[in-house]
């Protein structure tokens, strides 16, 4: 009888990332969009302040993604999807 070593998946194991267009297609499906061109819009938040070790602080900035949206468009671009495809 063969024994199998069972590997437990760590919660640190990452799943494959999605490209921005894949995210846009999933959003179109989520919102039930059946036709038309849509651009994926990414909204950022920027925070500024002093960063660094206690004795050596300097001005810094942090940038984070705050939201994603689909907006109708009439022209195609690098982040445009066709909801009918």
Protein backbone atom coordinates (compact mmCIF):
# COMPACT_ATOMS: atom_id res chain seq x y z
CA UNK A 1 0.00 0.00 0.00
CA UNK A 2 1.50 3.29 -1.09
CA UNK A 3 1.37 6.21 1.23
CA UNK A 4 0.81 9.65 -0.13
CA UNK A 5 2.29 12.70 1.44
CA UNK A 6 -0.51 15.21 1.79
CA UNK A 7 0.61 18.75 1.36
CA UNK A 8 -1.38 21.34 3.17
CA UNK A 9 -1.85 24.54 1.21
CA UNK A 10 -0.46 27.48 3.08
CA UNK A 11 -2.53 30.60 3.37
CA UNK A 12 0.53 32.39 1.97
CA UNK A 13 0.27 30.50 -1.35
CA UNK A 14 -0.91 33.04 -3.91
CA UNK A 15 -3.36 32.25 -6.67
CA UNK A 16 -2.43 33.40 -10.17
CA UNK A 17 -3.02 37.16 -10.58
CA UNK A 18 -5.66 38.52 -12.94
CA UNK A 19 -4.74 40.96 -15.68
CA UNK A 20 -6.61 44.26 -15.69
CA UNK A 21 -8.69 43.24 -18.72
CA UNK A 22 -9.69 40.01 -16.98
CA UNK A 23 -10.88 42.05 -13.99
CA UNK A 24 -12.87 44.29 -16.35
CA UNK A 25 -14.52 41.25 -17.99
CA UNK A 26 -15.45 39.84 -14.59
CA UNK A 27 -16.94 43.18 -13.60
CA UNK A 28 -19.01 43.31 -16.80
CA UNK A 29 -20.33 39.82 -16.04
CA UNK A 30 -21.03 40.81 -12.42
CA UNK A 31 -23.05 43.86 -13.51
CA UNK A 32 -24.88 41.95 -16.26
CA UNK A 33 -23.54 44.07 -19.11
CA UNK A 34 -24.34 42.37 -22.43
CA UNK A 35 -23.12 44.83 -25.08
CA UNK A 36 -21.14 48.00 -25.55
CA UNK A 37 -17.61 49.20 -24.96
CA UNK A 38 -16.43 49.92 -21.43
CA UNK A 39 -13.20 51.28 -20.02
CA UNK A 40 -11.79 50.06 -16.73
CA UNK A 41 -11.16 53.01 -14.45
CA UNK A 42 -8.81 52.73 -11.47
CA UNK A 43 -9.13 55.26 -8.66
CA UNK A 44 -6.11 55.90 -6.47
CA UNK A 45 -5.70 57.45 -3.04
CA UNK A 46 -2.44 59.20 -2.24
CA UNK A 47 -1.21 59.81 1.28
CA UNK A 48 1.77 61.93 2.21
CA UNK A 49 3.76 62.30 5.37
CA UNK A 50 7.09 61.80 7.02
CA UNK A 51 8.45 58.25 6.71
CA UNK A 52 11.55 56.44 7.83
CA UNK A 53 13.30 55.44 11.04
CA UNK A 54 12.74 57.53 14.16
CA UNK A 55 15.95 59.55 13.77
CA UNK A 56 16.01 59.79 9.95
CA UNK A 57 12.57 60.81 8.68
CA UNK A 58 11.98 62.29 5.25
CA UNK A 59 8.94 63.29 3.14
CA UNK A 60 7.23 60.34 1.52
CA UNK A 61 4.10 59.24 -0.28
CA UNK A 62 1.95 56.11 -0.29
CA UNK A 63 -0.32 55.20 -3.18
CA UNK A 64 -3.17 52.71 -2.94
CA UNK A 65 -5.98 51.56 -5.21
CA UNK A 66 -9.30 52.69 -3.70
CA UNK A 67 -11.81 51.50 -6.31
CA UNK A 68 -12.40 50.05 -9.77
CA UNK A 69 -15.22 51.02 -12.14
CA UNK A 70 -16.46 50.44 -15.67
CA UNK A 71 -17.49 53.47 -17.70
CA UNK A 72 -19.12 53.40 -21.16
CA UNK A 73 -16.93 54.61 -24.00
CA UNK A 74 -17.17 55.06 -27.76
CA UNK A 75 -13.44 54.59 -28.45
CA UNK A 76 -11.18 51.65 -27.73
CA UNK A 77 -8.09 51.92 -25.59
CA UNK A 78 -5.70 49.64 -23.69
CA UNK A 79 -8.24 49.01 -20.89
CA UNK A 80 -11.37 48.79 -23.05
CA UNK A 81 -13.54 45.68 -23.17
CA UNK A 82 -16.46 44.79 -25.40
CA UNK A 83 -19.18 43.45 -23.10
CA UNK A 84 -20.66 41.50 -26.02
CA UNK A 85 -17.57 39.29 -26.40
